[in-house]
């Protein structure tokens, strides 16, 4: 059973257990202990107690610890990849890339000393200096999704810890094993007890997080519905919340684009990770008269995509996370033709198929208002929308409430610049289908894809993980002291 990790120790008491499954086979592979308010309270107490000493540590010391954690995780890289393939159904290539991206996050956190800086203005008035100083906020809770069991929680925690906060992490209850191992490895690498704690569970423990008086903030990645609720709850409970939600990412393809390159990119970005990425391209907007040719090119690439269990290292498209996800995706595909779209490639598989597999699916003549368009499918389904002009294409994207990422394929520099400046999405790709930036840049969406004023990474992440004080100081000659009831003045 996957248990909790609190104050540097395994905790196997309280709560209830739920089953874990291998998505490639549908077989039960274990169970996870789910926490409630009581278990969360114990973790909050441990994190709160550790905050005083950890926040006082120097940046150099924190960097050394994070680099030691990074090395420890590198040494256990193969074990983490194996967990991701078995428990999350990730292909070997996808799991390897995710673990490596998470390791990069620790390196970025270790570089905190080079960018956690404060602005100082000297002599704003004679002998008076002003400094904006950043301080860690306290106990940060993190809630991460099933589709990235290593990368997302690792980056969330690395940012918080590097800034001097302590953390209570809640990985997805569907895929808890990888980060439970990471927490223990980081403790062995030198991270003090109580700095990183792990509690498993579902809605009950998240509600306890947002209500606990010793919790200062919550970082959430998941669905838009829950993200919005948590942001509202955060305001009600005086908690800072960064809540990242769903994505329905569009890729415009202009008539001047290299259609072979665009088709390769569309298939890769739509069907990679079985479409279970918040940055997956799920909608291609074909502009002008290229629609038929583009659809044909994408369709001819699908038969060569190898689908199967994640245990096969040659498989490119593995299972979705659960039988419920598989059924929901199949139901959306079921309704495609009734809504007026054309099902070009049907990825639904027979009932005799082992595991929760859905094949690459291509739908043409999709329009806003259709369920396959309006909903985040979160599966290997690519919709093609036709637009007469670039302006029409931009209006289609603007009308969708989600704005996580967006891409354009074109040779026209002017069109690319206009797109980058005007599309309402937080991450934009120009001839790049999945524009995920490195961790020293901002990761996060716009519109209903993010309910936050900050980002997961990059300099903007400091706004969530630290609080700013303006410190006004003067060291005068005591002989010049006098009573003055006015404001500070510019005395030249």
Protein backbone atom coordinates (compact mmCIF):
# COMPACT_ATOMS: atom_id res chain seq x y z
CA UNK A 1 0.00 0.00 0.00
CA UNK A 2 1.20 3.50 -0.84
CA UNK A 3 1.23 5.43 2.43
CA UNK A 4 1.89 9.03 3.46
CA UNK A 5 5.24 10.67 4.23
CA UNK A 6 5.16 13.17 7.09
CA UNK A 7 8.02 14.76 9.00
CA UNK A 8 10.55 12.45 7.37
CA UNK A 9 8.71 9.23 8.17
CA UNK A 10 6.25 6.84 6.56
CA UNK A 11 2.73 7.15 7.99
CA UNK A 12 0.26 4.30 7.55
CA UNK A 13 -2.53 5.19 9.95
CA UNK A 14 -5.98 6.72 9.49
CA UNK A 15 -8.02 7.30 6.40
CA UNK A 16 -9.23 4.66 3.96
CA UNK A 17 -7.66 2.86 1.01
CA UNK A 18 -8.52 2.84 -2.67
CA UNK A 19 -7.32 0.58 -5.48
CA UNK A 20 -4.56 1.27 -7.98
CA UNK A 21 -4.66 -0.15 -11.51
CA UNK A 22 -2.37 -0.76 -14.46
CA UNK A 23 -4.08 1.08 -17.36
CA UNK A 24 -2.40 -1.19 -19.91
CA UNK A 25 -4.09 -4.29 -18.51
CA UNK A 26 -6.90 -3.03 -16.31
CA UNK A 27 -5.54 -5.20 -13.51
CA UNK A 28 -5.38 -4.10 -9.88
CA UNK A 29 -1.75 -3.56 -8.85
CA UNK A 30 -2.05 -2.20 -5.32
CA UNK A 31 -3.77 0.34 -3.14
CA UNK A 32 -3.23 3.81 -1.73
CA UNK A 33 -4.02 5.16 1.73
CA UNK A 34 -6.22 8.24 1.48
CA UNK A 35 -5.92 11.03 4.03
CA UNK A 36 -8.59 13.19 5.60
CA UNK A 37 -8.55 16.34 7.69
CA UNK A 38 -6.82 14.68 10.62
CA UNK A 39 -3.89 13.38 8.58
CA UNK A 40 -3.60 16.69 6.77
CA UNK A 41 -3.47 18.43 10.13
CA UNK A 42 -0.49 16.34 11.23
CA UNK A 43 1.33 17.17 8.00
CA UNK A 44 0.53 20.87 8.39
CA UNK A 45 1.91 20.85 11.91
CA UNK A 46 5.14 19.20 10.72
CA UNK A 47 5.54 21.63 7.83
CA UNK A 48 4.77 24.63 10.03
CA UNK A 49 7.33 23.54 12.61
CA UNK A 50 9.99 23.01 9.93
CA UNK A 51 9.33 26.38 8.27
CA UNK A 52 11.16 28.47 10.85
CA UNK A 53 14.51 26.77 10.43
CA UNK A 54 14.22 26.06 6.69
CA UNK A 55 13.27 29.62 5.77
CA UNK A 56 16.31 30.87 7.71
CA UNK A 57 18.70 28.74 5.65
CA UNK A 58 20.85 30.56 3.14
CA UNK A 59 20.16 30.37 -0.57
CA UNK A 60 23.45 28.58 -1.13
CA UNK A 61 22.54 25.89 1.38
CA UNK A 62 19.12 25.37 -0.20
CA UNK A 63 20.79 25.10 -3.61
CA UNK A 64 23.19 22.43 -2.35
CA UNK A 65 20.29 20.40 -0.95
CA UNK A 66 18.27 20.66 -4.16
CA UNK A 67 21.27 19.60 -6.24
CA UNK A 68 21.78 16.62 -3.93
CA UNK A 69 18.09 15.77 -4.40
CA UNK A 70 18.55 16.07 -8.16
CA UNK A 71 21.46 13.63 -8.09
CA UNK A 72 19.51 11.18 -5.95
CA UNK A 73 16.59 11.23 -8.39
CA UNK A 74 18.94 10.80 -11.36
CA UNK A 75 20.25 7.66 -9.67
CA UNK A 76 16.67 6.34 -9.37
CA UNK A 77 15.57 7.52 -12.81
CA UNK A 78 14.90 4.02 -14.15
CA UNK A 79 12.72 3.13 -11.17
CA UNK A 80 10.62 6.26 -11.64
CA UNK A 81 10.20 5.58 -15.35
CA UNK A 82 9.05 2.05 -14.56
CA UNK A 83 6.48 3.34 -12.07
CA UNK A 84 5.12 5.78 -14.65
CA UNK A 85 4.72 3.08 -17.29
CA UNK A 86 2.98 0.65 -14.94
CA UNK A 87 0.84 2.98 -12.84
CA UNK A 88 0.14 5.85 -15.27
CA UNK A 89 0.23 3.85 -18.52
CA UNK A 90 2.86 6.14 -20.01
CA UNK A 91 4.97 4.90 -22.89
CA UNK A 92 8.67 4.52 -22.19
CA UNK A 93 9.54 7.54 -24.33
CA UNK A 94 6.94 9.74 -22.65
CA UNK A 95 7.85 8.63 -19.12
CA UNK A 96 11.56 9.16 -19.78
CA UNK A 97 10.97 12.68 -21.08
CA UNK A 98 8.77 13.55 -18.11
CA UNK A 99 11.27 12.36 -15.50
CA UNK A 100 14.08 14.26 -17.21
CA UNK A 101 11.95 17.43 -17.38
CA UNK A 102 11.24 17.11 -13.67
CA UNK A 103 14.94 16.74 -12.92
CA UNK A 104 15.50 19.98 -14.85
CA UNK A 105 13.06 21.65 -12.47
CA UNK A 106 15.27 20.81 -9.50
CA UNK A 107 18.27 22.32 -11.26
CA UNK A 108 16.28 25.46 -11.92
CA UNK A 109 15.23 25.67 -8.28
CA UNK A 110 18.86 25.33 -7.26
CA UNK A 111 19.67 28.42 -9.33
CA UNK A 112 17.37 30.52 -7.13
CA UNK A 113 20.26 32.60 -5.80
CA UNK A 114 20.84 34.09 -9.24
CA UNK A 115 17.30 35.41 -9.71
CA UNK A 116 15.70 35.79 -6.27
CA UNK A 117 16.76 39.40 -6.03
CA UNK A 118 15.29 42.54 -4.53
CA UNK A 119 15.06 46.04 -5.94
CA UNK A 120 16.85 48.74 -3.99
CA UNK A 121 16.67 52.50 -4.47
CA UNK A 122 19.28 54.52 -2.66
CA UNK A 123 18.85 58.05 -1.38
CA UNK A 124 15.15 58.48 -2.20
CA UNK A 125 15.43 61.34 0.25
CA UNK A 126 18.64 62.48 1.84
CA UNK A 127 20.14 59.50 3.66
CA UNK A 128 17.08 57.29 3.16
CA UNK A 129 17.13 54.03 1.16
CA UNK A 130 14.22 51.78 0.13
CA UNK A 131 14.41 48.06 -0.56
CA UNK A 132 11.76 45.58 -1.72
CA UNK A 133 12.61 42.39 0.16
CA UNK A 134 11.07 38.98 -0.61
CA UNK A 135 10.19 36.50 2.14
CA UNK A 136 8.84 32.94 1.95
CA UNK A 137 5.13 32.73 2.80
CA UNK A 138 5.04 29.56 4.94
CA UNK A 139 3.38 26.20 4.28
CA UNK A 140 2.49 25.60 0.62
CA UNK A 141 0.21 22.75 -0.43
CA UNK A 142 0.50 21.31 -3.93
CA UNK A 143 -2.12 19.28 -5.80
CA UNK A 144 -0.98 17.64 -9.03
CA UNK A 145 -2.72 15.73 -11.86
CA UNK A 146 -2.48 12.11 -12.95
CA UNK A 147 -0.99 12.85 -16.36
CA UNK A 148 2.35 14.06 -14.96
CA UNK A 149 3.03 12.09 -11.77
CA UNK A 150 6.69 13.21 -11.62
CA UNK A 151 7.20 16.49 -13.47
CA UNK A 152 4.37 18.68 -12.18
CA UNK A 153 4.62 17.90 -8.44
CA UNK A 154 8.41 18.01 -8.59
CA UNK A 155 8.46 21.47 -10.16
CA UNK A 156 5.73 22.74 -7.83
CA UNK A 157 7.69 21.57 -4.79
CA UNK A 158 11.10 22.66 -6.08
CA UNK A 159 9.90 26.22 -6.56
CA UNK A 160 8.30 26.39 -3.12
CA UNK A 161 11.25 24.81 -1.31
CA UNK A 162 13.84 26.90 -3.13
CA UNK A 163 12.06 30.08 -1.98
CA UNK A 164 12.24 28.90 1.64
CA UNK A 165 8.73 27.49 2.06
CA UNK A 166 7.79 24.08 3.36
CA UNK A 167 5.42 21.81 1.41
CA UNK A 168 2.58 19.34 1.72
CA UNK A 169 2.23 17.58 -1.63
CA UNK A 170 -0.81 15.64 -2.78
CA UNK A 171 -0.13 13.64 -5.93
CA UNK A 172 -3.07 12.26 -7.86
CA UNK A 173 -4.66 9.35 -6.03
CA UNK A 174 -4.55 7.46 -9.34
CA UNK A 175 -0.73 7.66 -9.59
CA UNK A 176 0.73 8.25 -6.11
CA UNK A 177 3.75 5.93 -6.10
CA UNK A 178 6.27 7.99 -8.08
CA UNK A 179 6.14 11.11 -5.96
CA UNK A 180 5.89 9.13 -2.74
CA UNK A 181 9.26 7.64 -3.72
CA UNK A 182 10.63 11.07 -4.69
CA UNK A 183 9.79 12.53 -1.27
CA UNK A 184 11.67 9.76 0.49
CA UNK A 185 14.64 10.13 -1.86
CA UNK A 186 14.80 13.88 -1.26
CA UNK A 187 14.76 13.32 2.48
CA UNK A 188 17.62 10.82 2.15
CA UNK A 189 19.50 13.38 0.05
CA UNK A 190 19.47 15.85 2.95
CA UNK A 191 16.15 17.69 2.85
CA UNK A 192 15.23 18.18 6.54
CA UNK A 193 12.24 16.42 8.08
CA UNK A 194 9.01 18.34 7.62
CA UNK A 195 10.16 20.40 4.64
CA UNK A 196 8.48 18.06 2.14
CA UNK A 197 5.50 15.98 3.24
CA UNK A 198 3.18 13.81 1.14
CA UNK A 199 -0.45 13.05 1.88
CA UNK A 200 -2.51 10.98 -0.53
CA UNK A 201 -6.20 11.28 -1.15
CA UNK A 202 -8.97 13.00 -3.04
CA UNK A 203 -11.39 15.85 -2.54
CA UNK A 204 -11.54 15.59 1.25
CA UNK A 205 -7.86 16.26 1.77
CA UNK A 206 -7.84 19.14 -0.74
CA UNK A 207 -10.72 20.79 1.12
CA UNK A 208 -8.78 20.33 4.36
CA UNK A 209 -5.78 22.02 2.77
CA UNK A 210 -7.67 25.13 1.71
CA UNK A 211 -9.26 25.47 5.16
CA UNK A 212 -6.32 24.70 7.47
CA UNK A 213 -5.11 27.78 9.37
CA UNK A 214 -1.43 26.83 9.11
CA UNK A 215 -1.54 26.58 5.30
CA UNK A 216 -0.51 29.80 3.53
CA UNK A 217 -1.11 28.83 -0.08
CA UNK A 218 -2.15 26.13 -2.52
CA UNK A 219 -0.81 25.35 -5.99
CA UNK A 220 -3.23 23.28 -8.06
CA UNK A 221 -3.10 21.71 -11.52
CA UNK A 222 -6.21 19.90 -12.73
CA UNK A 223 -9.60 20.65 -14.24
CA UNK A 224 -11.05 24.12 -14.79
CA UNK A 225 -14.13 23.41 -12.67
CA UNK A 226 -12.06 22.50 -9.62
CA UNK A 227 -9.49 25.23 -10.27
CA UNK A 228 -12.18 27.91 -10.21
CA UNK A 229 -13.73 26.52 -7.03
CA UNK A 230 -10.36 26.48 -5.28
CA UNK A 231 -9.59 30.07 -6.24
CA UNK A 232 -12.93 31.15 -4.74
CA UNK A 233 -12.29 29.03 -1.64
CA UNK A 234 -8.86 30.60 -1.33
CA UNK A 235 -10.36 34.08 -1.17
CA UNK A 236 -12.91 32.93 1.40
CA UNK A 237 -10.19 31.40 3.57
CA UNK A 238 -7.55 34.11 3.05
CA UNK A 239 -5.21 31.74 1.19
CA UNK A 240 -3.15 32.55 -1.86
CA UNK A 241 -4.08 30.12 -4.63
CA UNK A 242 -2.64 29.46 -8.07
CA UNK A 243 -5.05 27.14 -9.85
CA UNK A 244 -4.40 25.88 -13.37
CA UNK A 245 -7.20 24.21 -15.26
CA UNK A 246 -8.13 22.56 -18.53
CA UNK A 247 -6.80 23.16 -22.02
CA UNK A 248 -8.38 23.12 -25.48
CA UNK A 249 -5.39 24.05 -27.56
CA UNK A 250 -5.76 25.21 -31.16
CA UNK A 251 -3.23 25.09 -33.97
CA UNK A 252 -3.86 27.33 -36.97
CA UNK A 253 -2.39 26.11 -40.25
CA UNK A 254 -2.11 28.76 -42.94
CA UNK A 255 -2.09 27.92 -46.69
CA UNK A 256 1.60 28.83 -47.00
CA UNK A 257 2.69 26.30 -44.36
CA UNK A 258 4.63 23.14 -45.17
CA UNK A 259 1.68 20.72 -44.93
CA UNK A 260 3.82 17.64 -44.38
CA UNK A 261 5.55 19.32 -41.46
CA UNK A 262 2.21 20.56 -40.13
CA UNK A 263 0.64 17.10 -40.41
CA UNK A 264 3.57 15.52 -38.56
CA UNK A 265 3.26 18.14 -35.84
CA UNK A 266 -0.51 17.79 -35.53
CA UNK A 267 -0.36 14.02 -35.18
CA UNK A 268 2.50 14.20 -32.68
CA UNK A 269 0.88 16.88 -30.53
CA UNK A 270 -2.61 15.37 -30.61
CA UNK A 271 -1.84 11.70 -30.03
CA UNK A 272 1.29 11.84 -27.85
CA UNK A 273 0.68 10.72 -24.27
CA UNK A 274 -2.70 9.41 -25.55
CA UNK A 275 -3.82 13.05 -25.74
CA UNK A 276 -3.64 13.34 -21.95
CA UNK A 277 -1.66 16.57 -21.83
CA UNK A 278 -3.00 19.98 -20.86
CA UNK A 279 -0.85 21.25 -23.75
CA UNK A 280 -2.01 18.69 -26.32
CA UNK A 281 -3.19 20.07 -29.64
CA UNK A 282 -6.79 18.92 -29.85
CA UNK A 283 -8.02 21.29 -32.57
CA UNK A 284 -6.45 22.10 -35.94
CA UNK A 285 -7.90 25.11 -37.73
CA UNK A 286 -7.29 24.72 -41.47
CA UNK A 287 -7.36 28.10 -43.20
CA UNK A 288 -8.40 28.56 -46.82
CA UNK A 289 -8.53 25.66 -49.27
CA UNK A 290 -5.99 23.35 -47.59
CA UNK A 291 -8.50 21.39 -45.50
CA UNK A 292 -8.95 18.30 -47.67
CA UNK A 293 -5.24 17.93 -48.33
CA UNK A 294 -4.32 18.45 -44.69
CA UNK A 295 -6.88 15.95 -43.40
CA UNK A 296 -5.63 13.36 -45.89
CA UNK A 297 -2.03 13.88 -44.81
CA UNK A 298 -2.88 13.50 -41.11
CA UNK A 299 -5.02 10.43 -41.80
CA UNK A 300 -2.26 8.69 -43.74
CA UNK A 301 0.09 9.03 -40.73
CA UNK A 302 -2.23 7.37 -38.24
CA UNK A 303 -1.87 3.70 -39.33
CA UNK A 304 1.86 3.79 -38.61
CA UNK A 305 1.30 4.84 -34.97
CA UNK A 306 1.86 1.76 -32.83
CA UNK A 307 -0.77 1.40 -30.14
CA UNK A 308 -0.57 -1.01 -27.23
CA UNK A 309 0.51 -1.58 -23.63
CA UNK A 310 3.11 0.74 -22.12
CA UNK A 311 5.24 -2.28 -21.23
CA UNK A 312 6.22 -2.50 -24.93
CA UNK A 313 9.00 0.03 -25.48
CA UNK A 314 8.11 0.35 -29.15
CA UNK A 315 4.55 1.48 -28.41
CA UNK A 316 3.88 5.13 -29.24
CA UNK A 317 0.27 5.43 -28.06
CA UNK A 318 -0.52 3.78 -24.76
CA UNK A 319 -3.72 3.57 -22.70
CA UNK A 320 -5.75 6.33 -21.12
CA UNK A 321 -5.77 6.48 -17.33
CA UNK A 322 -9.00 4.64 -16.47
CA UNK A 323 -11.97 2.74 -17.77
CA UNK A 324 -14.10 5.81 -17.00
CA UNK A 325 -11.86 7.98 -19.19
CA UNK A 326 -11.97 5.41 -21.97
CA UNK A 327 -15.77 5.28 -21.87
CA UNK A 328 -16.12 9.07 -21.76
CA UNK A 329 -13.83 9.48 -24.81
CA UNK A 330 -15.65 6.73 -26.70
CA UNK A 331 -18.98 8.37 -25.92
CA UNK A 332 -17.76 11.66 -27.39
CA UNK A 333 -16.61 9.82 -30.52
CA UNK A 334 -20.00 8.06 -30.66
CA UNK A 335 -21.74 11.42 -31.03
CA UNK A 336 -19.47 12.89 -33.71
CA UNK A 337 -21.52 12.08 -36.79
CA UNK A 338 -24.86 12.78 -35.14
CA UNK A 339 -23.64 16.32 -34.45
CA UNK A 340 -22.76 16.85 -38.11
CA UNK A 341 -19.00 16.24 -38.14
CA UNK A 342 -17.19 13.58 -40.17
CA UNK A 343 -15.40 10.70 -38.45
CA UNK A 344 -12.38 10.18 -40.70
CA UNK A 345 -10.41 7.77 -38.51
CA UNK A 346 -12.23 5.90 -35.75
CA UNK A 347 -10.00 4.98 -32.81
CA UNK A 348 -12.57 3.03 -30.84
CA UNK A 349 -11.43 -0.53 -30.22
CA UNK A 350 -13.31 -3.75 -29.58
CA UNK A 351 -14.41 -4.92 -26.16
CA UNK A 352 -11.91 -7.79 -26.34
CA UNK A 353 -9.00 -5.34 -26.20
CA UNK A 354 -6.96 -5.63 -23.00
CA UNK A 355 -6.46 -2.41 -21.07
CA UNK A 356 -7.97 1.04 -21.50
CA UNK A 357 -6.85 1.80 -25.03
CA UNK A 358 -8.29 4.33 -27.44
CA UNK A 359 -6.72 4.61 -30.87
CA UNK A 360 -5.80 7.80 -32.70
CA UNK A 361 -9.04 9.44 -33.87
CA UNK A 362 -9.45 12.12 -36.54
CA UNK A 363 -12.65 14.16 -36.90
CA UNK A 364 -13.24 16.62 -39.75
CA UNK A 365 -15.74 19.44 -40.29
CA UNK A 366 -15.97 20.14 -36.59
CA UNK A 367 -17.69 23.36 -35.53
CA UNK A 368 -17.98 25.28 -32.26
CA UNK A 369 -21.04 24.11 -30.38
CA UNK A 370 -20.39 20.43 -31.05
CA UNK A 371 -19.61 18.40 -27.91
CA UNK A 372 -16.36 17.11 -29.43
CA UNK A 373 -15.24 20.74 -29.81
CA UNK A 374 -16.59 22.39 -26.68
CA UNK A 375 -15.30 19.78 -24.22
CA UNK A 376 -11.75 18.98 -23.24
CA UNK A 377 -11.59 15.40 -24.56
CA UNK A 378 -8.27 14.57 -22.85
CA UNK A 379 -7.75 11.64 -25.17
CA UNK A 380 -6.20 10.87 -28.57
CA UNK A 381 -8.80 12.75 -30.60
CA UNK A 382 -7.93 15.48 -33.12
CA UNK A 383 -10.66 17.77 -34.46
CA UNK A 384 -10.27 19.72 -37.69
CA UNK A 385 -12.16 22.99 -38.00
CA UNK A 386 -12.35 24.77 -41.36
CA UNK A 387 -11.93 28.56 -41.59
CA UNK A 388 -12.10 30.66 -44.75
CA UNK A 389 -9.63 33.30 -43.55
CA UNK A 390 -7.01 33.90 -40.90
CA UNK A 391 -9.37 36.41 -39.28
CA UNK A 392 -12.10 33.77 -39.05
CA UNK A 393 -9.61 31.35 -37.49
CA UNK A 394 -8.62 33.89 -34.85
CA UNK A 395 -12.27 34.49 -34.00
CA UNK A 396 -12.81 30.76 -33.52
CA UNK A 397 -9.96 30.59 -31.01
CA UNK A 398 -11.06 33.77 -29.25
CA UNK A 399 -14.56 32.39 -28.72
CA UNK A 400 -13.38 29.35 -26.75
CA UNK A 401 -13.25 29.91 -22.98
CA UNK A 402 -9.97 28.00 -22.53
CA UNK A 403 -6.58 29.45 -23.39
CA UNK A 404 -3.77 27.24 -22.19
CA UNK A 405 -1.66 27.02 -25.35
CA UNK A 406 -1.95 27.81 -29.05
CA UNK A 407 0.20 27.32 -32.14
CA UNK A 408 0.47 28.52 -35.72
CA UNK A 409 2.19 26.95 -38.71
CA UNK A 410 3.19 29.40 -41.42
CA UNK A 411 6.13 30.81 -43.36
CA UNK A 412 4.73 34.34 -43.03
CA UNK A 413 6.63 36.25 -40.36
CA UNK A 414 4.04 39.00 -40.20
CA UNK A 415 1.20 36.55 -39.60
CA UNK A 416 3.26 34.76 -36.94
CA UNK A 417 4.00 38.02 -35.14
CA UNK A 418 0.35 39.06 -35.25
CA UNK A 419 -0.68 35.67 -33.92
CA UNK A 420 1.81 35.75 -31.05
CA UNK A 421 0.69 39.26 -30.08
CA UNK A 422 -3.06 38.70 -30.32
CA UNK A 423 -4.00 35.09 -29.61
CA UNK A 424 -5.50 34.73 -26.14
CA UNK A 425 -3.36 31.92 -24.75
CA UNK A 426 -0.61 31.76 -22.17
CA UNK A 427 1.88 29.76 -24.24
CA UNK A 428 2.26 30.23 -27.99
CA UNK A 429 4.12 28.15 -30.56
CA UNK A 430 5.27 29.38 -33.98
CA UNK A 431 5.88 26.24 -36.04
CA UNK A 432 6.15 24.50 -32.64
CA UNK A 433 3.08 22.40 -31.82
CA UNK A 434 3.52 22.10 -28.04
CA UNK A 435 5.09 25.36 -26.82
CA UNK A 436 6.17 24.25 -23.35
CA UNK A 437 8.89 26.68 -22.23
CA UNK A 438 11.93 25.81 -20.11
CA UNK A 439 11.48 26.38 -16.40
CA UNK A 440 13.23 29.77 -16.44
CA UNK A 441 10.26 31.07 -18.45
CA UNK A 442 6.61 31.31 -17.46
CA UNK A 443 4.46 28.17 -17.61
CA UNK A 444 0.71 28.74 -17.36
CA UNK A 445 -2.41 29.54 -19.35
CA UNK A 446 -4.92 32.37 -19.79
CA UNK A 447 -8.70 32.72 -19.61
CA UNK A 448 -10.44 29.77 -17.92
CA UNK A 449 -7.26 27.69 -18.13
CA UNK A 450 -5.80 29.52 -15.13
CA UNK A 451 -7.26 31.21 -12.09
CA UNK A 452 -4.18 32.94 -10.77
CA UNK A 453 -2.04 36.04 -11.01
CA UNK A 454 1.18 34.01 -11.05
CA UNK A 455 2.83 31.14 -12.93
CA UNK A 456 4.22 27.73 -12.03
CA UNK A 457 7.73 28.64 -13.11
CA UNK A 458 9.87 31.53 -14.26
CA UNK A 459 10.33 34.86 -12.48
CA UNK A 460 6.55 35.28 -12.12
CA UNK A 461 6.48 32.23 -9.85
CA UNK A 462 8.11 34.38 -7.17
CA UNK A 463 4.85 36.31 -6.84
CA UNK A 464 3.16 33.18 -5.50
CA UNK A 465 5.97 31.73 -3.41
CA UNK A 466 7.12 34.92 -1.70
CA UNK A 467 5.70 38.07 -0.13
CA UNK A 468 7.28 41.50 -0.57
CA UNK A 469 8.06 44.03 2.13
CA UNK A 470 9.14 47.56 1.36
CA UNK A 471 11.88 48.43 3.87
CA UNK A 472 12.69 52.12 4.34
CA UNK A 473 15.92 52.75 6.23
CA UNK A 474 18.01 55.66 7.43
CA UNK A 475 21.20 55.74 9.48
CA UNK A 476 21.47 59.40 10.42
CA UNK A 477 23.80 61.38 12.57
CA UNK A 478 21.94 61.47 15.93
CA UNK A 479 22.65 65.18 16.19
CA UNK A 480 20.39 65.83 13.17
CA UNK A 481 17.33 64.15 14.71
CA UNK A 482 14.23 66.30 15.29
CA UNK A 483 10.45 66.06 15.56
CA UNK A 484 8.80 66.24 12.11
CA UNK A 485 5.09 65.47 11.73
CA UNK A 486 5.04 65.57 7.94
CA UNK A 487 5.62 63.00 5.21
CA UNK A 488 9.06 62.26 3.83
CA UNK A 489 9.87 64.96 1.32
CA UNK A 490 12.18 65.28 -1.60
CA UNK A 491 14.54 67.73 0.06
CA UNK A 492 17.04 67.82 -2.79
